[in-house]
């Protein structure tokens, strides 16, 4: 009889634990399901594609303030396009991916002039790739690769100094499509 009671108690605890985990998963999904706030300033970035969090018309629009609220990083590096090492700062591409509840594994990054490149999500997260908004403390104007620039930590990872990765370093970014 005590074996049956122990088994019944164990099954009861398992059921309660499973139910609790299910509720946690539902709650976590609900956090990502709510819409993003609407931008109050000029839209700097539009994210579309396989995303679950939007702020209108099936896309996520970000103004400067919204982008600055995302987890940021600073990369000090030389680039093939700038003179000397510069200090670049901006949100992590992975943080943008998370903010929009993205589900794809590639970010199709499109510039103001429609130049585009695909950035693998795994690579963006592994190397801490940022969407640079500032260079040496100043906002980046369009004439100087801004307002947004996909930036890799080239100096920290020599393996990134390839033509393929340089091609992914899109500047004057206007939109991202999650695929």
C-alpha atoms as a PDB file:
ATOM      1  CA  UNK A   1       0.000   0.000   0.000  1.00  0.00           C
ATOM      2  CA  UNK A   2       2.815   2.439   0.790  1.00  0.00           C
ATOM      3  CA  UNK A   3       4.370   1.837  -2.666  1.00  0.00           C
ATOM      4  CA  UNK A   4       1.052   2.758  -4.289  1.00  0.00           C
ATOM      5  CA  UNK A   5       0.790   5.911  -2.151  1.00  0.00           C
ATOM      6  CA  UNK A   6       4.371   6.904  -3.002  1.00  0.00           C
ATOM      7  CA  UNK A   7       3.702   6.360  -6.704  1.00  0.00           C
ATOM      8  CA  UNK A   8       0.482   8.375  -6.509  1.00  0.00           C
ATOM      9  CA  UNK A   9       2.264  11.219  -4.694  1.00  0.00           C
ATOM     10  CA  UNK A  10       5.099  11.197  -7.253  1.00  0.00           C
ATOM     11  CA  UNK A  11       2.660  11.303 -10.158  1.00  0.00           C
ATOM     12  CA  UNK A  12       0.786  14.138  -8.458  1.00  0.00           C
ATOM     13  CA  UNK A  13       4.001  16.158  -8.017  1.00  0.00           C
ATOM     14  CA  UNK A  14       4.973  15.455 -11.646  1.00  0.00           C
ATOM     15  CA  UNK A  15       1.565  16.619 -12.860  1.00  0.00           C
ATOM     16  CA  UNK A  16       1.781  19.797 -10.775  1.00  0.00           C
ATOM     17  CA  UNK A  17       5.341  20.477 -11.977  1.00  0.00           C
ATOM     18  CA  UNK A  18       4.327  19.865 -15.592  1.00  0.00           C
ATOM     19  CA  UNK A  19       1.315  22.147 -15.228  1.00  0.00           C
ATOM     20  CA  UNK A  20       3.507  24.810 -13.641  1.00  0.00           C
ATOM     21  CA  UNK A  21       6.036  24.579 -16.457  1.00  0.00           C
ATOM     22  CA  UNK A  22       3.204  24.820 -18.981  1.00  0.00           C
ATOM     23  CA  UNK A  23       1.940  27.988 -17.318  1.00  0.00           C
ATOM     24  CA  UNK A  24       5.453  29.449 -17.366  1.00  0.00           C
ATOM     25  CA  UNK A  25       5.750  28.727 -21.091  1.00  0.00           C
ATOM     26  CA  UNK A  26       2.368  30.337 -21.759  1.00  0.00           C
ATOM     27  CA  UNK A  27       3.380  33.380 -19.702  1.00  0.00           C
ATOM     28  CA  UNK A  28       6.691  33.654 -21.574  1.00  0.00           C
ATOM     29  CA  UNK A  29       4.844  33.466 -24.883  1.00  0.00           C
ATOM     30  CA  UNK A  30       2.465  36.176 -23.745  1.00  0.00           C
ATOM     31  CA  UNK A  31       5.393  38.467 -22.953  1.00  0.00           C
ATOM     32  CA  UNK A  32       6.594  38.159 -26.545  1.00  0.00           C
ATOM     33  CA  UNK A  33       3.079  38.350 -27.972  1.00  0.00           C
ATOM     34  CA  UNK A  34       2.270  41.887 -26.839  1.00  0.00           C
ATOM     35  CA  UNK A  35       2.850  44.577 -29.433  1.00  0.00           C
ATOM     36  CA  UNK A  36       5.829  46.883 -29.444  1.00  0.00           C
ATOM     37  CA  UNK A  37       5.193  50.491 -28.467  1.00  0.00           C
ATOM     38  CA  UNK A  38       4.724  52.864 -31.376  1.00  0.00           C
ATOM     39  CA  UNK A  39       7.735  55.010 -32.259  1.00  0.00           C
ATOM     40  CA  UNK A  40       7.414  58.609 -31.101  1.00  0.00           C
ATOM     41  CA  UNK A  41      10.248  59.972 -33.251  1.00  0.00           C
ATOM     42  CA  UNK A  42      11.338  59.442 -36.835  1.00  0.00           C
ATOM     43  CA  UNK A  43      11.501  55.764 -37.796  1.00  0.00           C
ATOM     44  CA  UNK A  44      15.127  54.676 -38.248  1.00  0.00           C
ATOM     45  CA  UNK A  45      14.592  50.948 -38.748  1.00  0.00           C
ATOM     46  CA  UNK A  46      11.759  48.732 -39.950  1.00  0.00           C
ATOM     47  CA  UNK A  47      11.847  44.989 -39.229  1.00  0.00           C
ATOM     48  CA  UNK A  48       9.555  42.635 -41.156  1.00  0.00           C
ATOM     49  CA  UNK A  49       9.321  38.955 -42.039  1.00  0.00           C
ATOM     50  CA  UNK A  50       9.008  36.078 -39.588  1.00  0.00           C
ATOM     51  CA  UNK A  51       8.303  38.169 -36.474  1.00  0.00           C
ATOM     52  CA  UNK A  52       5.608  37.970 -33.787  1.00  0.00           C
ATOM     53  CA  UNK A  53       5.868  41.434 -32.156  1.00  0.00           C
ATOM     54  CA  UNK A  54       4.873  44.403 -34.252  1.00  0.00           C
ATOM     55  CA  UNK A  55       3.653  47.942 -33.827  1.00  0.00           C
ATOM     56  CA  UNK A  56       1.560  48.205 -36.964  1.00  0.00           C
ATOM     57  CA  UNK A  57       0.904  46.700 -40.396  1.00  0.00           C
ATOM     58  CA  UNK A  58       2.779  43.475 -39.584  1.00  0.00           C
ATOM     59  CA  UNK A  59       6.134  45.232 -39.122  1.00  0.00           C
ATOM     60  CA  UNK A  60       8.161  46.533 -36.205  1.00  0.00           C
ATOM     61  CA  UNK A  61       9.249  50.164 -36.499  1.00  0.00           C
ATOM     62  CA  UNK A  62      11.978  51.617 -34.292  1.00  0.00           C
ATOM     63  CA  UNK A  63      12.920  55.214 -33.643  1.00  0.00           C
ATOM     64  CA  UNK A  64      16.267  56.230 -32.121  1.00  0.00           C
ATOM     65  CA  UNK A  65      14.967  56.093 -28.532  1.00  0.00           C
ATOM     66  CA  UNK A  66      13.558  52.578 -28.993  1.00  0.00           C
ATOM     67  CA  UNK A  67      16.839  51.315 -30.442  1.00  0.00           C
ATOM     68  CA  UNK A  68      18.793  52.907 -27.591  1.00  0.00           C
ATOM     69  CA  UNK A  69      16.648  51.033 -25.029  1.00  0.00           C
ATOM     70  CA  UNK A  70      17.761  47.667 -26.430  1.00  0.00           C
ATOM     71  CA  UNK A  71      20.884  45.937 -25.051  1.00  0.00           C
ATOM     72  CA  UNK A  72      23.881  47.833 -26.464  1.00  0.00           C
ATOM     73  CA  UNK A  73      27.512  47.059 -27.049  1.00  0.00           C
ATOM     74  CA  UNK A  74      30.592  48.992 -28.071  1.00  0.00           C
ATOM     75  CA  UNK A  75      33.070  47.684 -30.616  1.00  0.00           C
ATOM     76  CA  UNK A  76      36.467  49.312 -31.057  1.00  0.00           C
ATOM     77  CA  UNK A  77      37.813  48.226 -34.424  1.00  0.00           C
ATOM     78  CA  UNK A  78      39.362  49.152 -37.733  1.00  0.00           C
ATOM     79  CA  UNK A  79      37.175  48.718 -40.800  1.00  0.00           C
ATOM     80  CA  UNK A  80      38.099  48.583 -44.477  1.00  0.00           C
ATOM     81  CA  UNK A  81      36.034  51.768 -44.998  1.00  0.00           C
ATOM     82  CA  UNK A  82      37.185  54.050 -42.181  1.00  0.00           C
ATOM     83  CA  UNK A  83      40.561  55.462 -41.214  1.00  0.00           C
ATOM     84  CA  UNK A  84      42.091  54.121 -38.008  1.00  0.00           C
ATOM     85  CA  UNK A  85      40.273  52.354 -35.199  1.00  0.00           C
ATOM     86  CA  UNK A  86      36.913  53.794 -34.197  1.00  0.00           C
ATOM     87  CA  UNK A  87      34.583  53.220 -31.274  1.00  0.00           C
ATOM     88  CA  UNK A  88      31.174  52.090 -32.575  1.00  0.00           C
ATOM     89  CA  UNK A  89      28.129  51.741 -30.341  1.00  0.00           C
ATOM     90  CA  UNK A  90      24.640  50.397 -30.949  1.00  0.00           C
ATOM     91  CA  UNK A  91      22.143  47.656 -30.208  1.00  0.00           C
ATOM     92  CA  UNK A  92      23.133  44.039 -30.670  1.00  0.00           C
ATOM     93  CA  UNK A  93      21.529  42.487 -33.754  1.00  0.00           C
ATOM     94  CA  UNK A  94      20.508  39.590 -31.505  1.00  0.00           C
ATOM     95  CA  UNK A  95      18.660  42.041 -29.221  1.00  0.00           C
ATOM     96  CA  UNK A  96      16.693  43.420 -32.175  1.00  0.00           C
ATOM     97  CA  UNK A  97      15.873  39.842 -33.180  1.00  0.00           C
ATOM     98  CA  UNK A  98      14.610  39.104 -29.668  1.00  0.00           C
ATOM     99  CA  UNK A  99      12.662  42.386 -29.387  1.00  0.00           C
ATOM    100  CA  UNK A 100      10.537  41.554 -32.429  1.00  0.00           C
ATOM    101  CA  UNK A 101       9.944  37.925 -31.427  1.00  0.00           C
ATOM    102  CA  UNK A 102      11.723  36.731 -34.564  1.00  0.00           C
ATOM    103  CA  UNK A 103      11.701  33.085 -35.549  1.00  0.00           C
ATOM    104  CA  UNK A 104      13.964  32.903 -38.609  1.00  0.00           C
ATOM    105  CA  UNK A 105      17.674  32.145 -38.708  1.00  0.00           C
ATOM    106  CA  UNK A 106      18.815  34.841 -41.140  1.00  0.00           C
ATOM    107  CA  UNK A 107      18.561  38.629 -41.203  1.00  0.00           C
ATOM    108  CA  UNK A 108      18.189  40.117 -44.689  1.00  0.00           C
ATOM    109  CA  UNK A 109      19.607  43.608 -44.133  1.00  0.00           C
ATOM    110  CA  UNK A 110      18.649  46.297 -46.667  1.00  0.00           C
ATOM    111  CA  UNK A 111      20.311  49.711 -47.070  1.00  0.00           C
ATOM    112  CA  UNK A 112      18.727  53.016 -48.071  1.00  0.00           C
ATOM    113  CA  UNK A 113      19.984  52.434 -51.641  1.00  0.00           C
ATOM    114  CA  UNK A 114      18.514  48.877 -51.661  1.00  0.00           C
ATOM    115  CA  UNK A 115      21.910  47.155 -51.338  1.00  0.00           C
ATOM    116  CA  UNK A 116      21.226  44.008 -49.301  1.00  0.00           C
ATOM    117  CA  UNK A 117      23.077  41.186 -47.586  1.00  0.00           C
ATOM    118  CA  UNK A 118      22.099  38.232 -45.425  1.00  0.00           C
ATOM    119  CA  UNK A 119      23.522  38.014 -41.906  1.00  0.00           C
ATOM    120  CA  UNK A 120      23.203  34.566 -40.278  1.00  0.00           C
ATOM    121  CA  UNK A 121      21.647  34.939 -36.825  1.00  0.00           C
ATOM    122  CA  UNK A 122      24.059  32.428 -35.285  1.00  0.00           C
ATOM    123  CA  UNK A 123      27.018  34.478 -36.522  1.00  0.00           C
ATOM    124  CA  UNK A 124      25.490  37.743 -35.292  1.00  0.00           C
ATOM    125  CA  UNK A 125      25.021  36.295 -31.817  1.00  0.00           C
ATOM    126  CA  UNK A 126      28.372  34.477 -31.694  1.00  0.00           C
ATOM    127  CA  UNK A 127      30.372  37.594 -32.547  1.00  0.00           C
ATOM    128  CA  UNK A 128      28.187  40.207 -30.858  1.00  0.00           C
ATOM    129  CA  UNK A 129      27.461  42.018 -34.124  1.00  0.00           C
ATOM    130  CA  UNK A 130      25.889  45.433 -33.554  1.00  0.00           C
ATOM    131  CA  UNK A 131      23.793  47.853 -35.522  1.00  0.00           C
ATOM    132  CA  UNK A 132      26.098  50.810 -34.903  1.00  0.00           C
ATOM    133  CA  UNK A 133      24.343  54.136 -34.296  1.00  0.00           C
ATOM    134  CA  UNK A 134      27.333  56.087 -33.000  1.00  0.00           C
ATOM    135  CA  UNK A 135      30.942  56.380 -34.066  1.00  0.00           C
ATOM    136  CA  UNK A 136      33.395  57.878 -31.581  1.00  0.00           C
ATOM    137  CA  UNK A 137      30.480  59.167 -29.502  1.00  0.00           C
ATOM    138  CA  UNK A 138      28.656  60.934 -32.338  1.00  0.00           C
ATOM    139  CA  UNK A 139      25.517  59.876 -34.246  1.00  0.00           C
ATOM    140  CA  UNK A 140      26.465  58.602 -37.683  1.00  0.00           C
ATOM    141  CA  UNK A 141      25.091  60.698 -40.559  1.00  0.00           C
ATOM    142  CA  UNK A 142      24.113  59.086 -43.869  1.00  0.00           C
ATOM    143  CA  UNK A 143      27.252  60.532 -45.479  1.00  0.00           C
ATOM    144  CA  UNK A 144      29.364  58.595 -42.958  1.00  0.00           C
ATOM    145  CA  UNK A 145      27.782  55.107 -43.066  1.00  0.00           C
ATOM    146  CA  UNK A 146      24.798  55.993 -40.885  1.00  0.00           C
ATOM    147  CA  UNK A 147      22.377  56.248 -39.509  1.00  0.00           C
ATOM    148  CA  UNK A 148      22.743  52.487 -38.893  1.00  0.00           C
ATOM    149  CA  UNK A 149      25.703  50.259 -39.802  1.00  0.00           C
ATOM    150  CA  UNK A 150      26.010  46.459 -39.356  1.00  0.00           C
ATOM    151  CA  UNK A 151      29.349  46.181 -37.609  1.00  0.00           C
ATOM    152  CA  UNK A 152      31.474  43.155 -36.768  1.00  0.00           C
ATOM    153  CA  UNK A 153      34.350  43.197 -34.232  1.00  0.00           C
ATOM    154  CA  UNK A 154      36.991  42.822 -36.962  1.00  0.00           C
ATOM    155  CA  UNK A 155      40.021  43.528 -34.754  1.00  0.00           C
ATOM    156  CA  UNK A 156      38.958  40.997 -32.105  1.00  0.00           C
ATOM    157  CA  UNK A 157      38.369  38.175 -34.606  1.00  0.00           C
ATOM    158  CA  UNK A 158      40.786  38.003 -37.551  1.00  0.00           C
ATOM    159  CA  UNK A 159      38.661  35.215 -39.055  1.00  0.00           C
ATOM    160  CA  UNK A 160      36.036  37.888 -39.791  1.00  0.00           C
ATOM    161  CA  UNK A 161      38.350  39.752 -42.132  1.00  0.00           C
ATOM    162  CA  UNK A 162      37.005  38.077 -45.258  1.00  0.00           C
ATOM    163  CA  UNK A 163      35.249  39.391 -48.339  1.00  0.00           C
ATOM    164  CA  UNK A 164      32.111  37.440 -47.362  1.00  0.00           C
ATOM    165  CA  UNK A 165      31.853  39.109 -43.929  1.00  0.00           C
ATOM    166  CA  UNK A 166      32.748  42.559 -45.282  1.00  0.00           C
ATOM    167  CA  UNK A 167      29.865  42.137 -47.742  1.00  0.00           C
ATOM    168  CA  UNK A 168      27.497  41.610 -44.759  1.00  0.00           C
ATOM    169  CA  UNK A 169      28.611  44.864 -43.124  1.00  0.00           C
ATOM    170  CA  UNK A 170      25.781  46.891 -44.611  1.00  0.00           C
ATOM    171  CA  UNK A 171      25.772  50.624 -43.890  1.00  0.00           C
ATOM    172  CA  UNK A 172      22.899  53.092 -44.201  1.00  0.00           C
ATOM    173  CA  UNK A 173      20.593  50.310 -42.995  1.00  0.00           C
ATOM    174  CA  UNK A 174      16.896  51.051 -43.441  1.00  0.00           C
ATOM    175  CA  UNK A 175      15.213  47.691 -42.872  1.00  0.00           C
ATOM    176  CA  UNK A 176      15.714  44.089 -41.866  1.00  0.00           C
ATOM    177  CA  UNK A 177      13.639  41.148 -43.050  1.00  0.00           C
ATOM    178  CA  UNK A 178      13.791  38.065 -40.808  1.00  0.00           C
ATOM    179  CA  UNK A 179      13.885  34.893 -42.887  1.00  0.00           C
END
